[in-house]
Amino acid sequence: MNIMIEGPKLGKTAVCMPILRALPNWFGLEESLVHYADEIQKLPTFLAYEADEVVGFITLKQHNPYSVEVYVMGVLPEIHGKGIGRTLMEQSFVWMKEQKLEYVQVKTLAPSHPDEGYAKTRAFYTSVGFRPLEEFKQIWDEQNPCLIMIRSL
């Protein structure tokens, strides 16, 4: 696979939303999709291209001068496991360091919720250097406990 990464860019909702809609097991709530669409439009986003097609993306949200969050990330399901997510992360890490950021966080479904897809998501984040920080039941809700994972840059 010949993947090219572009970014960060603003205003990329139109090319990112079809990817999120292709991932209903992770992004199946319409209310959340509308919120992601609004935020992606104004946040820095890296795009992964194969030929001329956007096949993945990562959107970042800076919270303060020291830390940034992987706000949302998606890769077309038919090409999961091909290194696109890892390449997006690595390129975004370079940019984060250039911005003099020190920490990056990501929120995902906690392991106390038995979901095989999110177990793979946590394994991916662990493989790119994230470590679990803390689980919260108040961020989303009792049925969807949130795990915050962090990585030093």
C-alpha atoms as a PDB file:
ATOM      1  CA  MET A   1       0.000   0.000   0.000  1.00  0.00           C
ATOM      2  CA  ASN A   2       1.296   3.398  -0.962  1.00  0.00           C
ATOM      3  CA  ILE A   3      -0.088   5.821   1.633  1.00  0.00           C
ATOM      4  CA  MET A   4       0.442   9.567   1.570  1.00  0.00           C
ATOM      5  CA  ILE A   5      -0.303  11.701   4.642  1.00  0.00           C
ATOM      6  CA  GLU A   6      -1.443  15.299   4.280  1.00  0.00           C
ATOM      7  CA  GLY A   7      -1.975  17.836   7.026  1.00  0.00           C
ATOM      8  CA  PRO A   8      -2.773  19.200   9.324  1.00  0.00           C
ATOM      9  CA  LYS A   9      -5.660  20.840   7.479  1.00  0.00           C
ATOM     10  CA  LEU A  10      -8.869  22.532   8.624  1.00  0.00           C
ATOM     11  CA  GLY A  11     -12.334  22.144   7.131  1.00  0.00           C
ATOM     12  CA  LYS A  12     -12.123  18.453   6.246  1.00  0.00           C
ATOM     13  CA  THR A  13     -15.540  17.283   7.470  1.00  0.00           C
ATOM     14  CA  ALA A  14     -16.740  16.314   3.986  1.00  0.00           C
ATOM     15  CA  VAL A  15     -13.971  13.746   3.450  1.00  0.00           C
ATOM     16  CA  CYS A  16     -13.913  12.438   7.032  1.00  0.00           C
ATOM     17  CA  MET A  17     -17.618  11.791   7.615  1.00  0.00           C
ATOM     18  CA  PRO A  18     -17.937   8.949   5.065  1.00  0.00           C
ATOM     19  CA  ILE A  19     -15.162   7.136   6.958  1.00  0.00           C
ATOM     20  CA  LEU A  20     -16.950   7.577  10.298  1.00  0.00           C
ATOM     21  CA  ARG A  21     -20.218   6.390   8.746  1.00  0.00           C
ATOM     22  CA  ALA A  22     -18.389   3.279   7.491  1.00  0.00           C
ATOM     23  CA  LEU A  23     -17.546   2.450  11.146  1.00  0.00           C
ATOM     24  CA  PRO A  24     -20.982   2.085  12.828  1.00  0.00           C
ATOM     25  CA  ASN A  25     -19.632  -0.161  15.608  1.00  0.00           C
ATOM     26  CA  TRP A  26     -17.536   2.775  16.802  1.00  0.00           C
ATOM     27  CA  PHE A  27     -19.477   5.762  15.487  1.00  0.00           C
ATOM     28  CA  GLY A  28     -23.104   4.676  15.337  1.00  0.00           C
ATOM     29  CA  LEU A  29     -24.868   7.500  17.165  1.00  0.00           C
ATOM     30  CA  GLU A  30     -26.182  10.216  14.850  1.00  0.00           C
ATOM     31  CA  GLU A  31     -25.993  12.869  17.583  1.00  0.00           C
ATOM     32  CA  SER A  32     -22.299  12.100  18.078  1.00  0.00           C
ATOM     33  CA  LEU A  33     -21.646  12.133  14.332  1.00  0.00           C
ATOM     34  CA  VAL A  34     -23.157  15.611  14.052  1.00  0.00           C
ATOM     35  CA  HIS A  35     -20.907  16.792  16.870  1.00  0.00           C
ATOM     36  CA  TYR A  36     -17.824  15.205  15.242  1.00  0.00           C
ATOM     37  CA  ALA A  37     -18.717  16.896  11.945  1.00  0.00           C
ATOM     38  CA  ASP A  38     -18.843  20.311  13.618  1.00  0.00           C
ATOM     39  CA  GLU A  39     -15.548  19.807  15.426  1.00  0.00           C
ATOM     40  CA  ILE A  40     -13.613  18.264  12.508  1.00  0.00           C
ATOM     41  CA  GLN A  41     -14.439  21.362  10.466  1.00  0.00           C
ATOM     42  CA  LYS A  42     -12.442  23.605  12.826  1.00  0.00           C
ATOM     43  CA  LEU A  43      -9.742  21.280  14.204  1.00  0.00           C
ATOM     44  CA  PRO A  44      -6.410  20.224  12.666  1.00  0.00           C
ATOM     45  CA  THR A  45      -6.854  16.994  10.734  1.00  0.00           C
ATOM     46  CA  PHE A  46      -4.364  14.705   9.033  1.00  0.00           C
ATOM     47  CA  LEU A  47      -5.616  12.736   6.030  1.00  0.00           C
ATOM     48  CA  ALA A  48      -4.309   9.419   4.711  1.00  0.00           C
ATOM     49  CA  TYR A  49      -4.601   8.965   0.957  1.00  0.00           C
ATOM     50  CA  GLU A  50      -4.250   5.853  -1.126  1.00  0.00           C
ATOM     51  CA  ALA A  51      -4.049   7.098  -4.705  1.00  0.00           C
ATOM     52  CA  ASP A  52      -6.594   9.944  -4.715  1.00  0.00           C
ATOM     53  CA  GLU A  53      -8.931   8.480  -2.081  1.00  0.00           C
ATOM     54  CA  VAL A  54      -8.995   9.501   1.587  1.00  0.00           C
ATOM     55  CA  VAL A  55      -8.863   6.197   3.466  1.00  0.00           C
ATOM     56  CA  GLY A  56      -8.228   7.451   7.000  1.00  0.00           C
ATOM     57  CA  PHE A  57      -7.850  10.512   9.168  1.00  0.00           C
ATOM     58  CA  ILE A  58      -6.959  11.767  12.626  1.00  0.00           C
ATOM     59  CA  THR A  59      -8.310  14.985  14.146  1.00  0.00           C
ATOM     60  CA  LEU A  60      -6.573  16.660  17.091  1.00  0.00           C
ATOM     61  CA  LYS A  61      -7.864  18.995  19.785  1.00  0.00           C
ATOM     62  CA  GLN A  62      -5.382  21.025  21.824  1.00  0.00           C
ATOM     63  CA  HIS A  63      -6.541  21.650  25.395  1.00  0.00           C
ATOM     64  CA  ASN A  64      -3.679  23.782  26.709  1.00  0.00           C
ATOM     65  CA  PRO A  65      -0.055  24.656  25.822  1.00  0.00           C
ATOM     66  CA  TYR A  66       1.143  21.214  26.986  1.00  0.00           C
ATOM     67  CA  SER A  67      -1.387  18.667  25.810  1.00  0.00           C
ATOM     68  CA  VAL A  68      -3.462  17.600  22.852  1.00  0.00           C
ATOM     69  CA  GLU A  69      -6.148  14.970  22.401  1.00  0.00           C
ATOM     70  CA  VAL A  70      -6.708  12.515  19.582  1.00  0.00           C
ATOM     71  CA  TYR A  71     -10.232  13.827  19.226  1.00  0.00           C
ATOM     72  CA  VAL A  72     -11.400  11.375  16.575  1.00  0.00           C
ATOM     73  CA  MET A  73      -9.701   8.927  14.253  1.00  0.00           C
ATOM     74  CA  GLY A  74     -10.952   6.555  11.598  1.00  0.00           C
ATOM     75  CA  VAL A  75      -9.694   4.237   8.892  1.00  0.00           C
ATOM     76  CA  LEU A  76     -11.931   2.522   6.348  1.00  0.00           C
ATOM     77  CA  PRO A  77     -12.781  -0.904   7.780  1.00  0.00           C
ATOM     78  CA  GLU A  78     -11.746  -2.892   4.715  1.00  0.00           C
ATOM     79  CA  ILE A  79      -8.139  -1.737   5.191  1.00  0.00           C
ATOM     80  CA  HIS A  80      -7.790  -2.017   8.982  1.00  0.00           C
ATOM     81  CA  GLY A  81      -4.515  -3.626   9.965  1.00  0.00           C
ATOM     82  CA  LYS A  82      -2.533  -2.268   6.997  1.00  0.00           C
ATOM     83  CA  GLY A  83      -0.543   0.331   8.971  1.00  0.00           C
ATOM     84  CA  ILE A  84      -2.601   3.382   8.018  1.00  0.00           C
ATOM     85  CA  GLY A  85      -3.583   4.248  11.597  1.00  0.00           C
ATOM     86  CA  ARG A  86       0.003   3.835  12.743  1.00  0.00           C
ATOM     87  CA  THR A  87       1.264   6.079   9.929  1.00  0.00           C
ATOM     88  CA  LEU A  88      -1.330   8.733  10.786  1.00  0.00           C
ATOM     89  CA  MET A  89      -0.301   8.606  14.438  1.00  0.00           C
ATOM     90  CA  GLU A  90       3.410   8.806  13.672  1.00  0.00           C
ATOM     91  CA  GLN A  91       2.938  11.826  11.396  1.00  0.00           C
ATOM     92  CA  SER A  92       0.730  13.554  13.954  1.00  0.00           C
ATOM     93  CA  PHE A  93       3.322  12.872  16.690  1.00  0.00           C
ATOM     94  CA  VAL A  94       5.947  14.679  14.584  1.00  0.00           C
ATOM     95  CA  TRP A  95       3.635  17.688  14.251  1.00  0.00           C
ATOM     96  CA  MET A  96       2.775  17.638  17.979  1.00  0.00           C
ATOM     97  CA  LYS A  97       6.468  17.730  18.856  1.00  0.00           C
ATOM     98  CA  GLU A  98       6.998  20.611  16.430  1.00  0.00           C
ATOM     99  CA  GLN A  99       4.248  22.464  18.313  1.00  0.00           C
ATOM    100  CA  LYS A 100       6.211  21.859  21.553  1.00  0.00           C
ATOM    101  CA  LEU A 101       3.379  19.793  23.037  1.00  0.00           C
ATOM    102  CA  GLU A 102       4.384  17.375  25.775  1.00  0.00           C
ATOM    103  CA  TYR A 103       1.464  14.956  26.149  1.00  0.00           C
ATOM    104  CA  VAL A 104      -1.242  13.420  24.012  1.00  0.00           C
ATOM    105  CA  GLN A 105      -4.369  11.715  25.296  1.00  0.00           C
ATOM    106  CA  VAL A 106      -7.134   9.651  23.792  1.00  0.00           C
ATOM    107  CA  LYS A 107     -10.495   8.605  25.213  1.00  0.00           C
ATOM    108  CA  THR A 108     -11.842   5.152  24.396  1.00  0.00           C
ATOM    109  CA  LEU A 109     -14.237   2.590  25.800  1.00  0.00           C
ATOM    110  CA  ALA A 110     -12.759   1.091  28.981  1.00  0.00           C
ATOM    111  CA  PRO A 111     -11.882  -2.601  29.319  1.00  0.00           C
ATOM    112  CA  SER A 112     -14.580  -3.016  31.981  1.00  0.00           C
ATOM    113  CA  HIS A 113     -17.014  -2.972  29.023  1.00  0.00           C
ATOM    114  CA  PRO A 114     -16.677  -6.275  27.114  1.00  0.00           C
ATOM    115  CA  ASP A 115     -16.472  -5.053  23.526  1.00  0.00           C
ATOM    116  CA  GLU A 116     -14.152  -6.914  21.160  1.00  0.00           C
ATOM    117  CA  GLY A 117     -13.836  -3.996  18.732  1.00  0.00           C
ATOM    118  CA  TYR A 118     -12.739  -1.622  21.473  1.00  0.00           C
ATOM    119  CA  ALA A 119     -10.310  -4.225  22.823  1.00  0.00           C
ATOM    120  CA  LYS A 120      -8.615  -3.981  19.412  1.00  0.00           C
ATOM    121  CA  THR A 121      -8.776  -0.179  19.602  1.00  0.00           C
ATOM    122  CA  ARG A 122      -7.027  -0.197  23.005  1.00  0.00           C
ATOM    123  CA  ALA A 123      -4.421  -2.641  21.686  1.00  0.00           C
ATOM    124  CA  PHE A 124      -3.744  -0.297  18.769  1.00  0.00           C
ATOM    125  CA  TYR A 125      -3.278   2.718  21.051  1.00  0.00           C
ATOM    126  CA  THR A 126      -0.997   0.671  23.317  1.00  0.00           C
ATOM    127  CA  SER A 127       1.073  -0.361  20.290  1.00  0.00           C
ATOM    128  CA  VAL A 128       1.751   3.298  19.429  1.00  0.00           C
ATOM    129  CA  GLY A 129       2.867   4.179  22.948  1.00  0.00           C
ATOM    130  CA  PHE A 130      -0.301   5.106  24.864  1.00  0.00           C
ATOM    131  CA  ARG A 131      -0.783   3.852  28.408  1.00  0.00           C
ATOM    132  CA  PRO A 132      -3.996   3.688  30.435  1.00  0.00           C
ATOM    133  CA  LEU A 133      -4.371   6.531  32.913  1.00  0.00           C
ATOM    134  CA  GLU A 134      -7.806   6.197  34.478  1.00  0.00           C
ATOM    135  CA  GLU A 135     -11.318   4.921  33.867  1.00  0.00           C
ATOM    136  CA  PHE A 136     -14.285   7.249  34.351  1.00  0.00           C
ATOM    137  CA  LYS A 137     -17.969   6.356  34.402  1.00  0.00           C
ATOM    138  CA  GLN A 138     -19.056  10.013  34.569  1.00  0.00           C
ATOM    139  CA  ILE A 139     -17.582  11.215  31.237  1.00  0.00           C
ATOM    140  CA  TRP A 140     -19.994   9.273  29.028  1.00  0.00           C
ATOM    141  CA  ASP A 141     -22.229   7.082  31.235  1.00  0.00           C
ATOM    142  CA  GLU A 142     -22.309   3.943  33.392  1.00  0.00           C
ATOM    143  CA  GLN A 143     -22.899   1.686  30.350  1.00  0.00           C
ATOM    144  CA  ASN A 144     -20.010   3.283  28.443  1.00  0.00           C
ATOM    145  CA  PRO A 145     -17.088   3.722  30.821  1.00  0.00           C
ATOM    146  CA  CYS A 146     -14.374   5.972  29.403  1.00  0.00           C
ATOM    147  CA  LEU A 147     -10.699   5.032  29.572  1.00  0.00           C
ATOM    148  CA  ILE A 148      -8.254   7.905  29.228  1.00  0.00           C
ATOM    149  CA  MET A 149      -4.947   6.820  27.741  1.00  0.00           C
ATOM    150  CA  ILE A 150      -1.880   9.076  27.621  1.00  0.00           C
ATOM    151  CA  ARG A 151       1.469   9.237  25.892  1.00  0.00           C
ATOM    152  CA  SER A 152       4.460  11.440  26.473  1.00  0.00           C
ATOM    153  CA  LEU A 153       5.787  13.129  23.370  1.00  0.00           C
END
